[in-house]
Amino acid sequence: MAADRRANWLKGVLDLLVLASLREGESYGYEIAKTLADGGFGQIKGGTLYPVLNRLEEAGLLAAEFRAAERGPGRRYYRLTDQGRETLAEQSELWLAFGESVRAMLTKGMRS
């Protein structure tokens, strides 16, 4: 039950987390998933991540470029567009304010 709840919370913020994972520069799907896992969000499977990447690209928030590799399969690299950076900044502020409201309500009346 706790895992289901956590999955629902993640679903609500995954787009924003993907944008944030690209703040420092371009990356490809596996590395984005690894960044999210290293951030404490668990393993995000390709069947969840790639539709998010496609949706963000279609919305103009990401740009993507396929690059052939010398060895192994090529990779699709994603980077934030200017619109993606603006959206990340705006949505981050909103999410942080929401998180503070949740924290205030959950800790109201609790002893330290």
PDB file of N, CA and C in Angstrom:
ATOM      1  N   MET A   1       0.817  -1.190   0.000  1.00  0.00           N
ATOM      2  CA  MET A   1       0.000   0.000   0.000  1.00  0.00           C
ATOM      3  C   MET A   1       0.865   1.261   0.000  1.00  0.00           C
ATOM      4  N   ALA A   2       1.915   1.295   0.834  1.00  0.00           N
ATOM      5  CA  ALA A   2       2.811   2.448   0.876  1.00  0.00           C
ATOM      6  C   ALA A   2       3.513   2.620  -0.464  1.00  0.00           C
ATOM      7  N   ALA A   3       3.881   1.516  -1.115  1.00  0.00           N
ATOM      8  CA  ALA A   3       4.547   1.591  -2.414  1.00  0.00           C
ATOM      9  C   ALA A   3       3.600   2.156  -3.464  1.00  0.00           C
ATOM     10  N   ASP A   4       2.326   1.777  -3.418  1.00  0.00           N
ATOM     11  CA  ASP A   4       1.335   2.316  -4.356  1.00  0.00           C
ATOM     12  C   ASP A   4       1.179   3.819  -4.173  1.00  0.00           C
ATOM     13  N   ARG A   5       1.114   4.235  -2.921  1.00  0.00           N
ATOM     14  CA  ARG A   5       0.960   5.663  -2.623  1.00  0.00           C
ATOM     15  C   ARG A   5       2.168   6.430  -3.139  1.00  0.00           C
ATOM     16  N   ARG A   6       3.365   5.901  -2.882  1.00  0.00           N
ATOM     17  CA  ARG A   6       4.593   6.554  -3.342  1.00  0.00           C
ATOM     18  C   ARG A   6       4.610   6.639  -4.873  1.00  0.00           C
ATOM     19  N   ALA A   7       4.158   5.588  -5.541  1.00  0.00           N
ATOM     20  CA  ALA A   7       4.101   5.589  -7.009  1.00  0.00           C
ATOM     21  C   ALA A   7       3.153   6.681  -7.502  1.00  0.00           C
ATOM     22  N   ASN A   8       2.037   6.867  -6.824  1.00  0.00           N
ATOM     23  CA  ASN A   8       1.101   7.935  -7.209  1.00  0.00           C
ATOM     24  C   ASN A   8       1.704   9.312  -6.994  1.00  0.00           C
ATOM     25  N   TRP A   9       2.422   9.492  -5.893  1.00  0.00           N
ATOM     26  CA  TRP A   9       3.081  10.783  -5.654  1.00  0.00           C
ATOM     27  C   TRP A   9       4.111  11.054  -6.746  1.00  0.00           C
ATOM     28  N   LEU A  10       4.889  10.033  -7.099  1.00  0.00           N
ATOM     29  CA  LEU A  10       5.921  10.175  -8.120  1.00  0.00           C
ATOM     30  C   LEU A  10       5.304  10.520  -9.471  1.00  0.00           C
ATOM     31  N   LYS A  11       4.186   9.884  -9.780  1.00  0.00           N
ATOM     32  CA  LYS A  11       3.500  10.145 -11.044  1.00  0.00           C
ATOM     33  C   LYS A  11       3.163  11.631 -11.171  1.00  0.00           C
ATOM     34  N   GLY A  12       2.793  12.252 -10.051  1.00  0.00           N
ATOM     35  CA  GLY A  12       2.408  13.655 -10.056  1.00  0.00           C
ATOM     36  C   GLY A  12       3.561  14.620 -10.240  1.00  0.00           C
ATOM     37  N   VAL A  13       4.782  14.163 -10.025  1.00  0.00           N
ATOM     38  CA  VAL A  13       5.931  15.072 -10.077  1.00  0.00           C
ATOM     39  C   VAL A  13       7.021  14.598 -11.047  1.00  0.00           C
ATOM     40  N   LEU A  14       6.814  13.470 -11.718  1.00  0.00           N
ATOM     41  CA  LEU A  14       7.855  12.904 -12.568  1.00  0.00           C
ATOM     42  C   LEU A  14       8.263  13.838 -13.704  1.00  0.00           C
ATOM     43  N   ASP A  15       7.316  14.498 -14.339  1.00  0.00           N
ATOM     44  CA  ASP A  15       7.677  15.430 -15.420  1.00  0.00           C
ATOM     45  C   ASP A  15       8.664  16.476 -14.905  1.00  0.00           C
ATOM     46  N   LEU A  16       8.355  17.036 -13.749  1.00  0.00           N
ATOM     47  CA  LEU A  16       9.210  18.071 -13.159  1.00  0.00           C
ATOM     48  C   LEU A  16      10.585  17.509 -12.794  1.00  0.00           C
ATOM     49  N   LEU A  17      10.624  16.292 -12.268  1.00  0.00           N
ATOM     50  CA  LEU A  17      11.899  15.672 -11.919  1.00  0.00           C
ATOM     51  C   LEU A  17      12.754  15.399 -13.156  1.00  0.00           C
ATOM     52  N   VAL A  18      12.122  14.990 -14.231  1.00  0.00           N
ATOM     53  CA  VAL A  18      12.866  14.765 -15.480  1.00  0.00           C
ATOM     54  C   VAL A  18      13.452  16.083 -15.977  1.00  0.00           C
ATOM     55  N   LEU A  19      12.654  17.134 -15.959  1.00  0.00           N
ATOM     56  CA  LEU A  19      13.181  18.446 -16.360  1.00  0.00           C
ATOM     57  C   LEU A  19      14.358  18.842 -15.470  1.00  0.00           C
ATOM     58  N   ALA A  20      14.212  18.649 -14.169  1.00  0.00           N
ATOM     59  CA  ALA A  20      15.277  19.008 -13.225  1.00  0.00           C
ATOM     60  C   ALA A  20      16.543  18.192 -13.474  1.00  0.00           C
ATOM     61  N   SER A  21      16.381  16.934 -13.881  1.00  0.00           N
ATOM     62  CA  SER A  21      17.553  16.082 -14.117  1.00  0.00           C
ATOM     63  C   SER A  21      18.371  16.579 -15.314  1.00  0.00           C
ATOM     64  N   LEU A  22      17.766  17.407 -16.148  1.00  0.00           N
ATOM     65  CA  LEU A  22      18.453  17.929 -17.339  1.00  0.00           C
ATOM     66  C   LEU A  22      18.920  19.371 -17.155  1.00  0.00           C
ATOM     67  N   ARG A  23      18.777  19.894 -15.954  1.00  0.00           N
ATOM     68  CA  ARG A  23      19.147  21.280 -15.673  1.00  0.00           C
ATOM     69  C   ARG A  23      20.616  21.549 -15.986  1.00  0.00           C
ATOM     70  N   GLU A  24      21.486  20.596 -15.677  1.00  0.00           N
ATOM     71  CA  GLU A  24      22.924  20.801 -15.842  1.00  0.00           C
ATOM     72  C   GLU A  24      23.426  20.488 -17.251  1.00  0.00           C
ATOM     73  N   GLY A  25      22.569  19.909 -18.093  1.00  0.00           N
ATOM     74  CA  GLY A  25      22.999  19.598 -19.451  1.00  0.00           C
ATOM     75  C   GLY A  25      22.271  18.388 -19.997  1.00  0.00           C
ATOM     76  N   GLU A  26      22.616  18.045 -21.218  1.00  0.00           N
ATOM     77  CA  GLU A  26      21.910  16.967 -21.908  1.00  0.00           C
ATOM     78  C   GLU A  26      22.241  15.598 -21.318  1.00  0.00           C
ATOM     79  N   SER A  27      21.338  14.670 -21.584  1.00  0.00           N
ATOM     80  CA  SER A  27      21.516  13.300 -21.118  1.00  0.00           C
ATOM     81  C   SER A  27      20.610  12.390 -21.934  1.00  0.00           C
ATOM     82  N   TYR A  28      20.760  11.090 -21.742  1.00  0.00           N
ATOM     83  CA  TYR A  28      19.929  10.106 -22.434  1.00  0.00           C
ATOM     84  C   TYR A  28      19.150   9.303 -21.402  1.00  0.00           C
ATOM     85  N   GLY A  29      18.178   8.546 -21.861  1.00  0.00           N
ATOM     86  CA  GLY A  29      17.215   7.887 -20.998  1.00  0.00           C
ATOM     87  C   GLY A  29      17.800   7.117 -19.831  1.00  0.00           C
ATOM     88  N   TYR A  30      18.766   6.241 -20.098  1.00  0.00           N
ATOM     89  CA  TYR A  30      19.323   5.426 -19.022  1.00  0.00           C
ATOM     90  C   TYR A  30      19.954   6.305 -17.949  1.00  0.00           C
ATOM     91  N   GLU A  31      20.674   7.332 -18.363  1.00  0.00           N
ATOM     92  CA  GLU A  31      21.336   8.220 -17.398  1.00  0.00           C
ATOM     93  C   GLU A  31      20.314   9.044 -16.616  1.00  0.00           C
ATOM     94  N   ILE A  32      19.244   9.444 -17.267  1.00  0.00           N
ATOM     95  CA  ILE A  32      18.181  10.174 -16.566  1.00  0.00           C
ATOM     96  C   ILE A  32      17.574   9.270 -15.491  1.00  0.00           C
ATOM     97  N   ALA A  33      17.291   8.027 -15.856  1.00  0.00           N
ATOM     98  CA  ALA A  33      16.733   7.067 -14.893  1.00  0.00           C
ATOM     99  C   ALA A  33      17.697   6.848 -13.733  1.00  0.00           C
ATOM    100  N   LYS A  34      18.987   6.772 -14.024  1.00  0.00           N
ATOM    101  CA  LYS A  34      20.001   6.584 -12.983  1.00  0.00           C
ATOM    102  C   LYS A  34      20.051   7.806 -12.064  1.00  0.00           C
ATOM    103  N   THR A  35      19.978   8.999 -12.627  1.00  0.00           N
ATOM    104  CA  THR A  35      19.969  10.230 -11.827  1.00  0.00           C
ATOM    105  C   THR A  35      18.779  10.240 -10.872  1.00  0.00           C
ATOM    106  N   LEU A  36      17.616   9.835 -11.373  1.00  0.00           N
ATOM    107  CA  LEU A  36      16.417   9.785 -10.534  1.00  0.00           C
ATOM    108  C   LEU A  36      16.554   8.737  -9.440  1.00  0.00           C
ATOM    109  N   ALA A  37      17.100   7.574  -9.782  1.00  0.00           N
ATOM    110  CA  ALA A  37      17.312   6.526  -8.778  1.00  0.00           C
ATOM    111  C   ALA A  37      18.296   7.004  -7.714  1.00  0.00           C
ATOM    112  N   ASP A  38      19.370   7.647  -8.149  1.00  0.00           N
ATOM    113  CA  ASP A  38      20.366   8.165  -7.207  1.00  0.00           C
ATOM    114  C   ASP A  38      19.773   9.262  -6.326  1.00  0.00           C
ATOM    115  N   GLY A  39      18.732   9.939  -6.824  1.00  0.00           N
ATOM    116  CA  GLY A  39      18.054  10.974  -6.054  1.00  0.00           C
ATOM    117  C   GLY A  39      17.059  10.428  -5.047  1.00  0.00           C
ATOM    118  N   GLY A  40      16.908   9.104  -5.005  1.00  0.00           N
ATOM    119  CA  GLY A  40      16.031   8.489  -4.021  1.00  0.00           C
ATOM    120  C   GLY A  40      14.630   8.180  -4.513  1.00  0.00           C
ATOM    121  N   PHE A  41      14.429   8.208  -5.829  1.00  0.00           N
ATOM    122  CA  PHE A  41      13.093   7.986  -6.380  1.00  0.00           C
ATOM    123  C   PHE A  41      12.863   6.575  -6.881  1.00  0.00           C
ATOM    124  N   GLY A  42      13.813   5.691  -6.651  1.00  0.00           N
ATOM    125  CA  GLY A  42      13.661   4.307  -7.068  1.00  0.00           C
ATOM    126  C   GLY A  42      13.925   4.132  -8.550  1.00  0.00           C
ATOM    127  N   GLN A  43      13.760   2.910  -8.990  1.00  0.00           N
ATOM    128  CA  GLN A  43      14.005   2.587 -10.395  1.00  0.00           C
ATOM    129  C   GLN A  43      12.806   3.020 -11.230  1.00  0.00           C
ATOM    130  N   ILE A  44      13.051   3.906 -12.182  1.00  0.00           N
ATOM    131  CA  ILE A  44      12.014   4.332 -13.122  1.00  0.00           C
ATOM    132  C   ILE A  44      12.228   3.523 -14.393  1.00  0.00           C
ATOM    133  N   LYS A  45      11.289   2.689 -14.716  1.00  0.00           N
ATOM    134  CA  LYS A  45      11.429   1.815 -15.882  1.00  0.00           C
ATOM    135  C   LYS A  45      11.200   2.588 -17.176  1.00  0.00           C
ATOM    136  N   GLY A  46      11.757   2.046 -18.251  1.00  0.00           N
ATOM    137  CA  GLY A  46      11.636   2.678 -19.558  1.00  0.00           C
ATOM    138  C   GLY A  46      10.204   2.888 -19.990  1.00  0.00           C
ATOM    139  N   GLY A  47       9.332   1.955 -19.651  1.00  0.00           N
ATOM    140  CA  GLY A  47       7.919   2.079 -20.014  1.00  0.00           C
ATOM    141  C   GLY A  47       7.237   3.247 -19.330  1.00  0.00           C
ATOM    142  N   THR A  48       7.837   3.757 -18.275  1.00  0.00           N
ATOM    143  CA  THR A  48       7.335   4.948 -17.592  1.00  0.00           C
ATOM    144  C   THR A  48       8.091   6.187 -18.070  1.00  0.00           C
ATOM    145  N   LEU A  49       9.416   6.086 -18.166  1.00  0.00           N
ATOM    146  CA  LEU A  49      10.253   7.240 -18.485  1.00  0.00           C
ATOM    147  C   LEU A  49      10.094   7.725 -19.920  1.00  0.00           C
ATOM    148  N   TYR A  50      10.125   6.824 -20.891  1.00  0.00           N
ATOM    149  CA  TYR A  50      10.134   7.267 -22.287  1.00  0.00           C
ATOM    150  C   TYR A  50       8.842   7.970 -22.713  1.00  0.00           C
ATOM    151  N   PRO A  51       7.684   7.549 -22.256  1.00  0.00           N
ATOM    152  CA  PRO A  51       6.490   8.346 -22.565  1.00  0.00           C
ATOM    153  C   PRO A  51       6.557   9.772 -21.986  1.00  0.00           C
ATOM    154  N   VAL A  52       7.164   9.912 -20.808  1.00  0.00           N
ATOM    155  CA  VAL A  52       7.342  11.241 -20.214  1.00  0.00           C
ATOM    156  C   VAL A  52       8.266  12.069 -21.098  1.00  0.00           C
ATOM    157  N   LEU A  53       9.392  11.495 -21.503  1.00  0.00           N
ATOM    158  CA  LEU A  53      10.329  12.210 -22.371  1.00  0.00           C
ATOM    159  C   LEU A  53       9.657  12.621 -23.683  1.00  0.00           C
ATOM    160  N   ASN A  54       8.891  11.706 -24.278  1.00  0.00           N
ATOM    161  CA  ASN A  54       8.194  12.025 -25.530  1.00  0.00           C
ATOM    162  C   ASN A  54       7.177  13.141 -25.334  1.00  0.00           C
ATOM    163  N   ARG A  55       6.425  13.081 -24.239  1.00  0.00           N
ATOM    164  CA  ARG A  55       5.417  14.102 -23.954  1.00  0.00           C
ATOM    165  C   ARG A  55       6.072  15.472 -23.753  1.00  0.00           C
ATOM    166  N   LEU A  56       7.190  15.502 -23.019  1.00  0.00           N
ATOM    167  CA  LEU A  56       7.893  16.770 -22.783  1.00  0.00           C
ATOM    168  C   LEU A  56       8.490  17.323 -24.071  1.00  0.00           C
ATOM    169  N   GLU A  57       8.952  16.426 -24.933  1.00  0.00           N
ATOM    170  CA  GLU A  57       9.480  16.867 -26.230  1.00  0.00           C
ATOM    171  C   GLU A  57       8.351  17.434 -27.100  1.00  0.00           C
ATOM    172  N   GLU A  58       7.218  16.746 -27.146  1.00  0.00           N
ATOM    173  CA  GLU A  58       6.073  17.221 -27.931  1.00  0.00           C
ATOM    174  C   GLU A  58       5.552  18.562 -27.427  1.00  0.00           C
ATOM    175  N   ALA A  59       5.690  18.797 -26.118  1.00  0.00           N
ATOM    176  CA  ALA A  59       5.240  20.054 -25.520  1.00  0.00           C
ATOM    177  C   ALA A  59       6.243  21.190 -25.745  1.00  0.00           C
ATOM    178  N   GLY A  60       7.390  20.876 -26.334  1.00  0.00           N
ATOM    179  CA  GLY A  60       8.396  21.896 -26.607  1.00  0.00           C
ATOM    180  C   GLY A  60       9.301  22.198 -25.422  1.00  0.00           C
ATOM    181  N   LEU A  61       9.262  21.344 -24.381  1.00  0.00           N
ATOM    182  CA  LEU A  61      10.068  21.578 -23.193  1.00  0.00           C
ATOM    183  C   LEU A  61      11.448  20.922 -23.292  1.00  0.00           C
ATOM    184  N   LEU A  62      11.549  19.923 -24.158  1.00  0.00           N
ATOM    185  CA  LEU A  62      12.806  19.235 -24.422  1.00  0.00           C
ATOM    186  C   LEU A  62      13.071  19.200 -25.909  1.00  0.00           C
ATOM    187  N   ALA A  63      14.343  19.180 -26.254  1.00  0.00           N
ATOM    188  CA  ALA A  63      14.765  18.911 -27.624  1.00  0.00           C
ATOM    189  C   ALA A  63      15.545  17.603 -27.572  1.00  0.00           C
ATOM    190  N   ALA A  64      15.438  16.814 -28.621  1.00  0.00           N
ATOM    191  CA  ALA A  64      16.107  15.513 -28.639  1.00  0.00           C
ATOM    192  C   ALA A  64      16.908  15.362 -29.925  1.00  0.00           C
ATOM    193  N   GLU A  65      17.999  14.614 -29.799  1.00  0.00           N
ATOM    194  CA  GLU A  65      18.857  14.351 -30.952  1.00  0.00           C
ATOM    195  C   GLU A  65      19.382  12.928 -30.848  1.00  0.00           C
ATOM    196  N   PHE A  66      19.222  12.159 -31.924  1.00  0.00           N
ATOM    197  CA  PHE A  66      19.735  10.794 -31.957  1.00  0.00           C
ATOM    198  C   PHE A  66      21.192  10.845 -32.396  1.00  0.00           C
ATOM    199  N   ARG A  67      22.036  10.110 -31.693  1.00  0.00           N
ATOM    200  CA  ARG A  67      23.451  10.033 -32.043  1.00  0.00           C
ATOM    201  C   ARG A  67      23.868   8.576 -32.136  1.00  0.00           C
ATOM    202  N   ALA A  68      24.524   8.244 -33.234  1.00  0.00           N
ATOM    203  CA  ALA A  68      25.066   6.898 -33.403  1.00  0.00           C
ATOM    204  C   ALA A  68      26.245   6.730 -32.455  1.00  0.00           C
ATOM    205  N   ALA A  69      26.464   5.511 -32.020  1.00  0.00           N
ATOM    206  CA  ALA A  69      27.588   5.213 -31.132  1.00  0.00           C
ATOM    207  C   ALA A  69      28.612   4.383 -31.883  1.00  0.00           C
ATOM    208  N   GLU A  70      29.882   4.518 -31.492  1.00  0.00           N
ATOM    209  CA  GLU A  70      30.926   3.706 -32.130  1.00  0.00           C
ATOM    210  C   GLU A  70      30.707   2.230 -31.838  1.00  0.00           C
ATOM    211  N   ARG A  71      30.314   1.950 -30.595  1.00  0.00           N
ATOM    212  CA  ARG A  71      30.009   0.569 -30.212  1.00  0.00           C
ATOM    213  C   ARG A  71      28.635   0.563 -29.575  1.00  0.00           C
ATOM    214  N   GLY A  72      27.859  -0.432 -29.903  1.00  0.00           N
ATOM    215  CA  GLY A  72      26.528  -0.558 -29.323  1.00  0.00           C
ATOM    216  C   GLY A  72      25.520   0.325 -30.031  1.00  0.00           C
ATOM    217  N   PRO A  73      24.312   0.323 -29.508  1.00  0.00           N
ATOM    218  CA  PRO A  73      23.249   1.091 -30.157  1.00  0.00           C
ATOM    219  C   PRO A  73      23.427   2.593 -29.963  1.00  0.00           C
ATOM    220  N   GLY A  74      22.836   3.364 -30.860  1.00  0.00           N
ATOM    221  CA  GLY A  74      22.847   4.815 -30.724  1.00  0.00           C
ATOM    222  C   GLY A  74      21.962   5.235 -29.561  1.00  0.00           C
ATOM    223  N   ARG A  75      22.053   6.496 -29.212  1.00  0.00           N
ATOM    224  CA  ARG A  75      21.269   7.011 -28.098  1.00  0.00           C
ATOM    225  C   ARG A  75      20.575   8.299 -28.495  1.00  0.00           C
ATOM    226  N   ARG A  76      19.437   8.511 -27.876  1.00  0.00           N
ATOM    227  CA  ARG A  76      18.688   9.740 -28.069  1.00  0.00           C
ATOM    228  C   ARG A  76      19.003  10.641 -26.878  1.00  0.00           C
ATOM    229  N   TYR A  77      19.636  11.774 -27.152  1.00  0.00           N
ATOM    230  CA  TYR A  77      20.011  12.725 -26.109  1.00  0.00           C
ATOM    231  C   TYR A  77      18.946  13.804 -25.994  1.00  0.00           C
ATOM    232  N   TYR A  78      18.626  14.160 -24.761  1.00  0.00           N
ATOM    233  CA  TYR A  78      17.603  15.158 -24.474  1.00  0.00           C
ATOM    234  C   TYR A  78      18.254  16.353 -23.785  1.00  0.00           C
ATOM    235  N   ARG A  79      17.743  17.541 -24.091  1.00  0.00           N
ATOM    236  CA  ARG A  79      18.183  18.750 -23.405  1.00  0.00           C
ATOM    237  C   ARG A  79      16.984  19.673 -23.231  1.00  0.00           C
ATOM    238  N   LEU A  80      17.074  20.536 -22.233  1.00  0.00           N
ATOM    239  CA  LEU A  80      16.009  21.507 -21.994  1.00  0.00           C
ATOM    240  C   LEU A  80      16.004  22.563 -23.080  1.00  0.00           C
ATOM    241  N   THR A  81      14.834  22.976 -23.498  1.00  0.00           N
ATOM    242  CA  THR A  81      14.697  24.141 -24.364  1.00  0.00           C
ATOM    243  C   THR A  81      14.549  25.371 -23.449  1.00  0.00           C
ATOM    244  N   ASP A  82      14.532  26.555 -24.036  1.00  0.00           N
ATOM    245  CA  ASP A  82      14.298  27.763 -23.233  1.00  0.00           C
ATOM    246  C   ASP A  82      12.946  27.672 -22.531  1.00  0.00           C
ATOM    247  N   GLN A  83      11.940  27.190 -23.261  1.00  0.00           N
ATOM    248  CA  GLN A  83      10.611  27.013 -22.666  1.00  0.00           C
ATOM    249  C   GLN A  83      10.658  25.988 -21.531  1.00  0.00           C
ATOM    250  N   GLY A  84      11.459  24.944 -21.687  1.00  0.00           N
ATOM    251  CA  GLY A  84      11.622  23.940 -20.646  1.00  0.00           C
ATOM    252  C   GLY A  84      12.252  24.523 -19.397  1.00  0.00           C
ATOM    253  N   ARG A  85      13.251  25.393 -19.569  1.00  0.00           N
ATOM    254  CA  ARG A  85      13.891  26.050 -18.416  1.00  0.00           C
ATOM    255  C   ARG A  85      12.901  26.958 -17.688  1.00  0.00           C
ATOM    256  N   GLU A  86      12.103  27.696 -18.455  1.00  0.00           N
ATOM    257  CA  GLU A  86      11.089  28.567 -17.843  1.00  0.00           C
ATOM    258  C   GLU A  86      10.062  27.737 -17.079  1.00  0.00           C
ATOM    259  N   THR A  87       9.600  26.666 -17.693  1.00  0.00           N
ATOM    260  CA  THR A  87       8.617  25.795 -17.053  1.00  0.00           C
ATOM    261  C   THR A  87       9.197  25.171 -15.791  1.00  0.00           C
ATOM    262  N   LEU A  88      10.439  24.724 -15.859  1.00  0.00           N
ATOM    263  CA  LEU A  88      11.098  24.143 -14.690  1.00  0.00           C
ATOM    264  C   LEU A  88      11.137  25.150 -13.546  1.00  0.00           C
ATOM    265  N   ALA A  89      11.518  26.377 -13.829  1.00  0.00           N
ATOM    266  CA  ALA A  89      11.594  27.406 -12.783  1.00  0.00           C
ATOM    267  C   ALA A  89      10.214  27.669 -12.174  1.00  0.00           C
ATOM    268  N   GLU A  90       9.208  27.853 -13.030  1.00  0.00           N
ATOM    269  CA  GLU A  90       7.846  28.151 -12.549  1.00  0.00           C
ATOM    270  C   GLU A  90       7.266  26.988 -11.750  1.00  0.00           C
ATOM    271  N   GLN A  91       7.358  25.783 -12.307  1.00  0.00           N
ATOM    272  CA  GLN A  91       6.769  24.611 -11.662  1.00  0.00           C
ATOM    273  C   GLN A  91       7.520  24.229 -10.385  1.00  0.00           C
ATOM    274  N   SER A  92       8.830  24.479 -10.356  1.00  0.00           N
ATOM    275  CA  SER A  92       9.602  24.207  -9.143  1.00  0.00           C
ATOM    276  C   SER A  92       9.111  25.071  -7.999  1.00  0.00           C
ATOM    277  N   GLU A  93       8.892  26.353  -8.258  1.00  0.00           N
ATOM    278  CA  GLU A  93       8.379  27.257  -7.219  1.00  0.00           C
ATOM    279  C   GLU A  93       7.026  26.782  -6.710  1.00  0.00           C
ATOM    280  N   LEU A  94       6.143  26.411  -7.630  1.00  0.00           N
ATOM    281  CA  LEU A  94       4.815  25.945  -7.240  1.00  0.00           C
ATOM    282  C   LEU A  94       4.897  24.657  -6.416  1.00  0.00           C
ATOM    283  N   TRP A  95       5.732  23.720  -6.857  1.00  0.00           N
ATOM    284  CA  TRP A  95       5.852  22.449  -6.148  1.00  0.00           C
ATOM    285  C   TRP A  95       6.438  22.664  -4.749  1.00  0.00           C
ATOM    286  N   LEU A  96       7.466  23.509  -4.640  1.00  0.00           N
ATOM    287  CA  LEU A  96       8.073  23.746  -3.332  1.00  0.00           C
ATOM    288  C   LEU A  96       7.081  24.403  -2.374  1.00  0.00           C
ATOM    289  N   ALA A  97       6.275  25.333  -2.879  1.00  0.00           N
ATOM    290  CA  ALA A  97       5.249  25.960  -2.034  1.00  0.00           C
ATOM    291  C   ALA A  97       4.216  24.915  -1.594  1.00  0.00           C
ATOM    292  N   PHE A  98       3.819  24.049  -2.509  1.00  0.00           N
ATOM    293  CA  PHE A  98       2.872  22.979  -2.192  1.00  0.00           C
ATOM    294  C   PHE A  98       3.471  22.060  -1.129  1.00  0.00           C
ATOM    295  N   GLY A  99       4.732  21.677  -1.312  1.00  0.00           N
ATOM    296  CA  GLY A  99       5.409  20.816  -0.348  1.00  0.00           C
ATOM    297  C   GLY A  99       5.477  21.439   1.034  1.00  0.00           C
ATOM    298  N   GLU A 100       5.701  22.732   1.095  1.00  0.00           N
ATOM    299  CA  GLU A 100       5.727  23.419   2.386  1.00  0.00           C
ATOM    300  C   GLU A 100       4.349  23.406   3.035  1.00  0.00           C
ATOM    301  N   SER A 101       3.307  23.558   2.233  1.00  0.00           N
ATOM    302  CA  SER A 101       1.943  23.491   2.772  1.00  0.00           C
ATOM    303  C   SER A 101       1.641  22.105   3.322  1.00  0.00           C
ATOM    304  N   VAL A 102       2.058  21.070   2.599  1.00  0.00           N
ATOM    305  CA  VAL A 102       1.862  19.696   3.062  1.00  0.00           C
ATOM    306  C   VAL A 102       2.633  19.484   4.362  1.00  0.00           C
ATOM    307  N   ARG A 103       3.886  19.912   4.385  1.00  0.00           N
ATOM    308  CA  ARG A 103       4.716  19.761   5.579  1.00  0.00           C
ATOM    309  C   ARG A 103       4.081  20.467   6.778  1.00  0.00           C
ATOM    310  N   ALA A 104       3.600  21.691   6.566  1.00  0.00           N
ATOM    311  CA  ALA A 104       2.976  22.450   7.664  1.00  0.00           C
ATOM    312  C   ALA A 104       1.757  21.726   8.208  1.00  0.00           C
ATOM    313  N   MET A 105       0.951  21.189   7.322  1.00  0.00           N
ATOM    314  CA  MET A 105      -0.264  20.491   7.768  1.00  0.00           C
ATOM    315  C   MET A 105       0.088  19.198   8.502  1.00  0.00           C
ATOM    316  N   LEU A 106       1.056  18.456   7.983  1.00  0.00           N
ATOM    317  CA  LEU A 106       1.427  17.173   8.588  1.00  0.00           C
ATOM    318  C   LEU A 106       2.112  17.340   9.929  1.00  0.00           C
ATOM    319  N   THR A 107       2.815  18.436  10.118  1.00  0.00           N
ATOM    320  CA  THR A 107       3.575  18.621  11.355  1.00  0.00           C
ATOM    321  C   THR A 107       2.827  19.501  12.368  1.00  0.00           C
ATOM    322  N   LYS A 108       1.689  20.017  11.978  1.00  0.00           N
ATOM    323  CA  LYS A 108       0.907  20.867  12.884  1.00  0.00           C
ATOM    324  C   LYS A 108       0.567  20.105  14.173  1.00  0.00           C
ATOM    325  N   GLY A 109       0.954  20.661  15.271  1.00  0.00           N
ATOM    326  CA  GLY A 109       0.642  20.054  16.559  1.00  0.00           C
ATOM    327  C   GLY A 109       1.597  18.937  16.975  1.00  0.00           C
ATOM    328  N   MET A 110       2.570  18.584  16.134  1.00  0.00           N
ATOM    329  CA  MET A 110       3.524  17.535  16.496  1.00  0.00           C
ATOM    330  C   MET A 110       4.608  18.124  17.398  1.00  0.00           C
ATOM    331  N   ARG A 111       5.122  17.310  18.269  1.00  0.00           N
ATOM    332  CA  ARG A 111       6.237  17.744  19.117  1.00  0.00           C
ATOM    333  C   ARG A 111       7.539  17.450  18.420  1.00  0.00           C
ATOM    334  N   SER A 112       8.482  18.329  18.603  1.00  0.00           N
ATOM    335  CA  SER A 112       9.812  18.155  17.987  1.00  0.00           C
ATOM    336  C   SER A 112      10.651  17.156  18.733  1.00  0.00           C
TER     337      SER A 112
END
